[in-house]
Structures are given as structure tokens and as C-alpha cells.
Amino acid sequence: MSTGVVIAGGRSTRFGDADKAVADLAGTPMVRRVADRLGPAVESLVVNCREDQHDAIAIALDDYDLPVAFALDEDPDEGPMAGIRTGLRAVETEYAFVAACDMPFVDPDLVAYLLERAEGFDAAVPRPDEWFETTHAAYRADAMADACDKALERGDRKIIAPLFDLDYVTVGVEELRERGSLDSFDSLDTRAAFHAAADRLRRQD
């Protein structure tokens, strides 16, 4: 059993004034696209967001096939690590897969594989290039939440900081290619990326 955790509380400063979590991406709110992609690999969903986002995201996830819970940020704007911590605190399973809300091509096969690779460890973190993809990774929920708390307490907000308190396995690019699509890591940080993804999804549909 595992849970999908979608991190949606960011302010989307490079995206403009709109909340990209619920932006219409080729006819579907982006957060719903991420949730739908996670669905085949998990048994439930937790969405981390700000209180002011709750209603719009709940509407976007209306009639979703899996149980959905919300983990609201008590102190918004603390950054993605705090969002991961808050989301994982709401998880009831041992392991969870964390995904950013702007990754609409997340590959359920890779999600399932990373959850499998995490077994016996505190985390399985992809490294498709020189960077760790900590917002596309599988975690032992309690261990990662504790590690995030420790990093925040010492004032270290770097997204990779919690990893160094964990017993984690790195999943490299060749292993990832064998198990799924590297498109899984595409994130839509800008309007240009969003529009390109919308065109791509329309062609697929």
C-alpha cells in the first residue's frame, strides 16, 4: 500500500498571477492530470496546498477514483521542502510517492518502480541528470517528514537537505530509461512550457 502526495502550495511566481495547480491544461486542471497519472500506482492521494487553494483543487479532483485528503500549509510560503513535510505527515501508509503539481507527464510505471526500489530504504530518489529529483521520488513517509523537520529547524531550506539524514538509494538515468519515460520529469515552470505541454497533450488526445 502506498500514497501519492501532490505538492501544490507554491506561489507559481514564474507562471504569472494564476494558480497553475488548477490551470486548464488542454481541458483538464493540471493537478487533476498529475493525480490521474499517479492513480494506477497508488491507493490514495494527499494534496498539500494553501488554505486558499483548497476549494478550487477539491473541485478539480471531484469524482477522483481514489480517496483524497488535504494537508494544508499552516505557514504558507515556507518552500517545497515544508510542503513535502506537511504532505507526508498526512500519509497513513509506510511509503508515499511525492510529485510536484506541475509534472503532468509523471509516468505511473516509474512511480511504481520507485516505490518498489524504496522498500527497505527511507527513499528512492531519481537522478536523471546532475540533479536529484526530490519532488518526483518515493519516501518512507515518517522518515522523510522527520528529516524535513530537522533541516527546517537548522535553517537549511535546500530541497536536497533532508536526503542526507536518510538511508536512500539513487536511481540513475539508465535504470530510469529501462523502467519508463524520462518525460515523467518534465515540469511546467513557465507559461511557455505550459502552452507547449498543452499542444502536446492535445495531439495525444
Protein backbone atom coordinates (compact mmCIF):
# COMPACT_ATOMS: atom_id res chain seq x y z
CA MET A 1 0.00 0.00 0.00
CA SER A 2 1.25 3.46 -0.84
CA THR A 3 0.02 7.02 -1.14
CA GLY A 4 0.53 9.67 -3.78
CA VAL A 5 1.37 13.12 -2.41
CA VAL A 6 0.92 16.09 -4.73
CA ILE A 7 2.73 19.29 -3.72
CA ALA A 8 0.64 22.23 -4.89
CA GLY A 9 1.22 25.04 -2.41
CA GLY A 10 3.80 27.08 -4.30
CA ARG A 11 3.05 30.60 -5.46
CA SER A 12 3.98 29.91 -9.11
CA THR A 13 5.91 33.17 -9.38
CA ARG A 14 7.38 32.28 -12.79
CA PHE A 15 3.94 31.30 -14.03
CA GLY A 16 2.20 34.64 -13.54
CA ASP A 17 -0.67 35.59 -11.27
CA ALA A 18 -2.78 32.47 -11.83
CA ASP A 19 -2.58 29.36 -9.67
CA LYS A 20 -1.00 26.85 -12.01
CA ALA A 21 -2.19 23.90 -9.91
CA VAL A 22 -5.70 24.37 -11.28
CA ALA A 23 -4.79 25.97 -14.60
CA ASP A 24 -6.66 24.43 -17.54
CA LEU A 25 -4.15 22.18 -19.29
CA ALA A 26 -5.69 21.02 -22.56
CA GLY A 27 -9.12 20.81 -20.97
CA THR A 28 -8.14 19.39 -17.55
CA PRO A 29 -6.82 21.15 -14.44
CA MET A 30 -3.12 20.41 -14.15
CA VAL A 31 -3.39 18.98 -10.63
CA ARG A 32 -6.00 16.55 -11.90
CA ARG A 33 -3.70 15.41 -14.68
CA VAL A 34 -0.98 14.66 -12.11
CA ALA A 35 -3.46 12.86 -9.86
CA ASP A 36 -4.77 10.78 -12.78
CA ARG A 37 -1.23 9.76 -13.71
CA LEU A 38 -0.45 8.74 -10.14
CA GLY A 39 -3.67 6.78 -9.77
CA PRO A 40 -2.58 3.42 -11.23
CA ALA A 41 0.44 3.24 -8.88
CA VAL A 42 -1.04 4.28 -5.52
CA GLU A 43 -4.08 3.54 -3.35
CA SER A 44 -4.86 7.03 -2.05
CA LEU A 45 -3.95 10.67 -2.60
CA VAL A 46 -2.86 13.53 -0.36
CA VAL A 47 -2.72 17.08 -1.71
CA ASN A 48 -0.56 19.65 0.05
CA CYS A 49 -1.73 23.19 -0.63
CA ARG A 50 -2.55 26.52 0.94
CA GLU A 51 -5.96 27.03 2.55
CA ASP A 52 -6.98 29.49 -0.15
CA GLN A 53 -6.37 26.82 -2.81
CA HIS A 54 -8.41 24.10 -1.16
CA ASP A 55 -11.81 24.67 -2.75
CA ALA A 56 -10.55 25.01 -6.32
CA ILE A 57 -8.39 21.90 -6.04
CA ALA A 58 -11.22 19.95 -4.42
CA ILE A 59 -13.42 20.82 -7.40
CA ALA A 60 -10.64 19.74 -9.78
CA LEU A 61 -10.47 16.38 -8.01
CA ASP A 62 -14.22 15.86 -7.82
CA ASP A 63 -15.16 12.26 -8.73
CA TYR A 64 -11.50 11.13 -8.50
CA ASP A 65 -11.38 7.34 -8.21
CA LEU A 66 -9.19 7.17 -5.07
CA PRO A 67 -9.64 8.58 -1.55
CA VAL A 68 -8.32 12.16 -1.36
CA ALA A 69 -7.11 14.00 1.75
CA PHE A 70 -5.77 17.54 2.04
CA ALA A 71 -2.73 18.63 4.05
CA LEU A 72 -2.96 22.39 4.37
CA ASP A 73 0.10 24.56 4.97
CA GLU A 74 -0.12 26.14 8.42
CA ASP A 75 2.59 28.62 7.43
CA PRO A 76 2.39 29.18 3.64
CA ASP A 77 5.43 30.17 1.59
CA GLU A 78 7.99 28.11 3.52
CA GLY A 79 9.03 26.40 0.30
CA PRO A 80 8.68 22.95 -1.27
CA MET A 81 10.51 21.08 1.48
CA ALA A 82 7.96 22.29 4.02
CA GLY A 83 5.23 21.25 1.62
CA ILE A 84 6.70 17.76 1.34
CA ARG A 85 6.87 17.55 5.14
CA THR A 86 3.27 18.65 5.57
CA GLY A 87 2.02 16.31 2.87
CA LEU A 88 3.88 13.32 4.28
CA ARG A 89 2.55 13.96 7.79
CA ALA A 90 -0.94 13.29 6.41
CA VAL A 91 0.06 9.93 4.91
CA GLU A 92 -1.24 6.77 6.59
CA THR A 93 0.82 4.26 4.60
CA GLU A 94 4.50 3.48 5.23
CA TYR A 95 5.63 4.70 1.81
CA ALA A 96 4.49 7.56 -0.36
CA PHE A 97 5.35 8.97 -3.75
CA VAL A 98 5.80 12.74 -3.86
CA ALA A 99 5.09 14.59 -7.10
CA ALA A 100 5.02 18.29 -7.88
CA CYS A 101 1.70 19.58 -9.24
CA ASP A 102 3.43 20.82 -12.41
CA MET A 103 4.55 17.39 -13.65
CA PRO A 104 1.57 16.32 -15.81
CA PHE A 105 3.52 13.60 -17.63
CA VAL A 106 4.50 11.68 -14.49
CA ASP A 107 4.84 8.04 -15.55
CA PRO A 108 2.87 5.57 -13.39
CA ASP A 109 5.32 2.82 -14.32
CA LEU A 110 8.20 4.87 -12.92
CA VAL A 111 6.15 5.74 -9.85
CA ALA A 112 5.51 2.07 -9.17
CA TYR A 113 9.15 1.20 -9.77
CA LEU A 114 10.48 3.92 -7.47
CA LEU A 115 8.10 2.79 -4.72
CA GLU A 116 9.42 -0.74 -5.21
CA ARG A 117 13.05 0.46 -5.10
CA ALA A 118 12.37 2.37 -1.88
CA GLU A 119 11.43 -0.77 0.03
CA GLY A 120 13.95 -1.34 2.80
CA PHE A 121 15.25 2.23 2.47
CA ASP A 122 13.99 5.63 3.54
CA ALA A 123 13.81 6.86 -0.05
CA ALA A 124 14.37 6.11 -3.71
CA VAL A 125 15.37 9.34 -5.43
CA PRO A 126 15.80 9.63 -9.21
CA ARG A 127 18.81 11.34 -10.70
CA PRO A 128 18.05 11.59 -14.42
CA ASP A 129 20.80 14.21 -14.86
CA GLU A 130 23.10 16.06 -12.48
CA TRP A 131 20.22 16.95 -10.13
CA PHE A 132 18.26 14.84 -7.70
CA GLU A 133 14.51 14.94 -8.43
CA THR A 134 13.24 15.20 -4.87
CA THR A 135 9.74 16.24 -5.97
CA HIS A 136 9.44 13.06 -8.06
CA ALA A 137 10.56 10.46 -5.54
CA ALA A 138 9.42 7.70 -3.20
CA TYR A 139 9.84 8.11 0.56
CA ARG A 140 9.23 6.32 3.82
CA ALA A 141 6.76 8.95 4.96
CA ASP A 142 7.70 9.34 8.63
CA ALA A 143 11.44 9.27 7.99
CA MET A 144 11.33 11.94 5.29
CA ALA A 145 8.96 14.15 7.28
CA ASP A 146 11.32 13.94 10.27
CA ALA A 147 14.30 14.75 8.06
CA CYS A 148 12.49 17.78 6.64
CA ASP A 149 11.73 18.99 10.17
CA LYS A 150 15.40 18.67 11.12
CA ALA A 151 16.53 20.60 8.05
CA LEU A 152 13.98 23.36 8.65
CA GLU A 153 14.95 23.60 12.31
CA ARG A 154 18.58 24.20 11.37
CA GLY A 155 17.55 26.77 8.76
CA ASP A 156 18.55 24.68 5.73
CA ARG A 157 15.81 25.07 3.12
CA LYS A 158 17.66 23.44 0.21
CA ILE A 159 15.37 20.84 -1.29
CA ILE A 160 18.02 18.11 -1.09
CA ALA A 161 18.99 18.83 2.52
CA PRO A 162 16.75 16.14 4.11
CA LEU A 163 18.28 13.39 2.00
CA PHE A 164 21.49 13.42 3.96
CA ASP A 165 19.62 12.31 7.08
CA LEU A 166 18.11 9.37 5.21
CA ASP A 167 19.18 5.93 4.08
CA TYR A 168 18.32 6.48 0.44
CA VAL A 169 19.01 4.83 -2.90
CA THR A 170 19.77 6.83 -6.03
CA VAL A 171 18.11 5.71 -9.28
CA GLY A 172 20.18 6.78 -12.26
CA VAL A 173 19.21 7.65 -15.80
CA GLU A 174 19.84 4.26 -17.41
CA GLU A 175 17.78 2.46 -14.79
CA LEU A 176 15.02 5.03 -15.22
CA ARG A 177 15.01 4.63 -19.02
CA GLU A 178 14.62 0.88 -18.63
CA ARG A 179 11.53 1.32 -16.46
CA GLY A 180 9.63 4.21 -18.02
CA SER A 181 9.72 7.53 -19.78
CA LEU A 182 12.02 10.39 -18.86
CA ASP A 183 9.15 12.69 -19.88
CA SER A 184 7.97 11.93 -16.36
CA PHE A 185 10.35 14.63 -15.09
CA ASP A 186 9.09 17.40 -17.37
CA SER A 187 7.92 20.28 -15.18
CA LEU A 188 5.92 23.27 -16.36
CA ASP A 189 7.61 26.18 -14.64
CA THR A 190 6.67 28.85 -17.17
CA ARG A 191 3.77 29.84 -19.39
CA ALA A 192 5.78 28.81 -22.45
CA ALA A 193 6.34 25.30 -21.06
CA PHE A 194 2.66 25.11 -20.13
CA HIS A 195 1.48 26.01 -23.63
CA ALA A 196 3.92 23.55 -25.22
CA ALA A 197 2.63 20.79 -22.93
CA ALA A 198 -0.97 21.69 -23.78
CA ASP A 199 -0.22 21.35 -27.50
CA ARG A 200 1.46 18.00 -26.86
CA LEU A 201 -1.49 16.70 -24.85
CA ARG A 202 -3.99 17.78 -27.48
CA ARG A 203 -2.04 15.83 -30.10
CA GLN A 204 -2.05 12.77 -27.83
CA ASP A 205 -5.75 13.06 -27.14
